[in-house]
Amino acid sequence: MNLLIHPEADQEVDAAAIWYDGRTSGLGSEFLAAVDAVYDRMIAEPAFFPPAEDTPAGREIRAAILHRFSYRVVYLVRGDDLIIVALAHVRRRPGYWHRRLTT
């Protein structure tokens, strides 16, 4: 399985890590470790996580929640590619990432 990360999702991960590290030294590193652990689980078992609640009709998009950090990793599987679409806060702007599905 090839892990592909949408550039905007990659920026979201970096921005969240910086924000967490600004709150408490080292927390950004813990956040990144949690994201990496979810990526590893996704690669090992792509269908493990449930479908995203705000998925557009006709699409199979899944989401893994990072409970400690109130974020979810939104992804899809296309052939041998696991594509990270967004790192979305669980309480902000549902569905903002839909436009990324065309790129």
Protein backbone atom coordinates (compact mmCIF):
# COMPACT_ATOMS: atom_id res chain seq x y z
CA MET A 1 0.00 0.00 0.00
CA ASN A 2 1.37 3.40 -1.02
CA LEU A 3 0.69 6.30 1.36
CA LEU A 4 -0.08 9.52 -0.51
CA ILE A 5 -0.83 12.73 1.37
CA HIS A 6 -2.68 15.64 -0.20
CA PRO A 7 -0.44 18.75 0.12
CA GLU A 8 -3.12 20.64 2.04
CA ALA A 9 -3.54 17.72 4.46
CA ASP A 10 0.22 17.73 5.00
CA GLN A 11 0.05 21.46 5.80
CA GLU A 12 -2.79 20.81 8.24
CA VAL A 13 -0.70 18.22 10.09
CA ASP A 14 2.24 20.62 10.33
CA ALA A 15 0.06 23.54 11.48
CA ALA A 16 -1.65 21.45 14.16
CA ALA A 17 1.68 20.13 15.45
CA ILE A 18 3.05 23.68 15.69
CA TRP A 19 -0.10 24.83 17.50
CA TYR A 20 0.08 21.96 20.01
CA ASP A 21 3.78 22.54 20.61
CA GLY A 22 3.03 26.20 21.27
CA ARG A 23 0.56 25.17 23.96
CA THR A 24 2.87 22.68 25.70
CA SER A 25 6.45 21.91 24.78
CA GLY A 26 6.66 18.42 23.29
CA LEU A 27 2.93 18.07 22.67
CA GLY A 28 3.43 18.69 18.96
CA SER A 29 5.76 15.68 18.82
CA GLU A 30 3.17 13.57 20.63
CA PHE A 31 0.57 14.71 18.09
CA LEU A 32 2.82 13.73 15.19
CA ALA A 33 3.44 10.33 16.79
CA ALA A 34 -0.34 9.81 17.07
CA VAL A 35 -0.79 10.75 13.40
CA ASP A 36 2.00 8.36 12.37
CA ALA A 37 0.43 5.55 14.42
CA VAL A 38 -2.89 6.08 12.64
CA TYR A 39 -1.15 6.10 9.26
CA ASP A 40 0.49 2.77 10.14
CA ARG A 41 -2.87 1.27 11.15
CA MET A 42 -4.48 2.53 7.94
CA ILE A 43 -1.78 0.95 5.82
CA ALA A 44 -2.01 -2.35 7.71
CA GLU A 45 -5.83 -2.46 7.66
CA PRO A 46 -7.31 0.08 5.23
CA ALA A 47 -10.93 -0.85 6.02
CA PHE A 48 -10.46 -0.78 9.81
CA PHE A 49 -11.79 2.74 10.33
CA PRO A 50 -15.46 3.59 9.69
CA PRO A 51 -16.82 5.66 6.81
CA ALA A 52 -16.67 9.42 7.37
CA GLU A 53 -20.06 10.83 8.35
CA ASP A 54 -19.82 13.74 5.93
CA THR A 55 -18.83 11.70 2.89
CA PRO A 56 -20.24 12.83 -0.46
CA ALA A 57 -22.76 10.42 -1.99
CA GLY A 58 -21.21 7.60 -3.95
CA ARG A 59 -17.75 7.87 -2.35
CA GLU A 60 -16.09 5.54 0.11
CA ILE A 61 -14.19 7.89 2.39
CA ARG A 62 -13.08 6.79 5.85
CA ALA A 63 -11.96 8.69 8.91
CA ALA A 64 -9.78 7.81 11.88
CA ILE A 65 -10.30 9.91 14.99
CA LEU A 66 -7.34 11.06 17.07
CA HIS A 67 -9.37 11.23 20.30
CA ARG A 68 -6.75 12.93 22.43
CA PHE A 69 -6.30 15.68 19.89
CA SER A 70 -9.86 16.20 18.55
CA TYR A 71 -8.80 15.65 14.96
CA ARG A 72 -9.60 13.00 12.40
CA VAL A 73 -7.60 11.77 9.46
CA VAL A 74 -9.85 11.57 6.39
CA TYR A 75 -8.71 9.13 3.72
CA LEU A 76 -9.67 6.98 0.79
CA VAL A 77 -8.27 3.88 -0.84
CA ARG A 78 -7.79 3.80 -4.59
CA GLY A 79 -6.19 0.59 -5.82
CA ASP A 80 -2.87 0.22 -4.01
CA ASP A 81 -2.90 3.86 -2.89
CA LEU A 82 -4.10 5.07 0.49
CA ILE A 83 -4.73 8.79 0.05
CA ILE A 84 -4.87 11.15 3.03
CA VAL A 85 -7.37 13.83 2.07
CA ALA A 86 -7.45 15.95 5.24
CA LEU A 87 -6.57 16.33 8.87
CA ALA A 88 -9.89 17.77 9.99
CA HIS A 89 -10.85 19.09 13.41
CA VAL A 90 -13.84 17.08 14.61
CA ARG A 91 -15.92 20.18 15.46
CA ARG A 92 -15.02 22.62 12.69
CA ARG A 93 -16.07 23.03 9.06
CA PRO A 94 -17.50 19.59 8.22
CA GLY A 95 -17.00 18.65 4.60
CA TYR A 96 -14.59 21.47 3.72
CA TRP A 97 -12.26 18.86 2.25
CA HIS A 98 -14.75 17.62 -0.41
CA ARG A 99 -13.16 19.81 -3.08
CA ARG A 100 -9.90 17.88 -2.60
CA LEU A 101 -11.47 14.71 -3.94
CA THR A 102 -11.15 15.93 -7.51
CA THR A 103 -7.37 16.46 -7.31
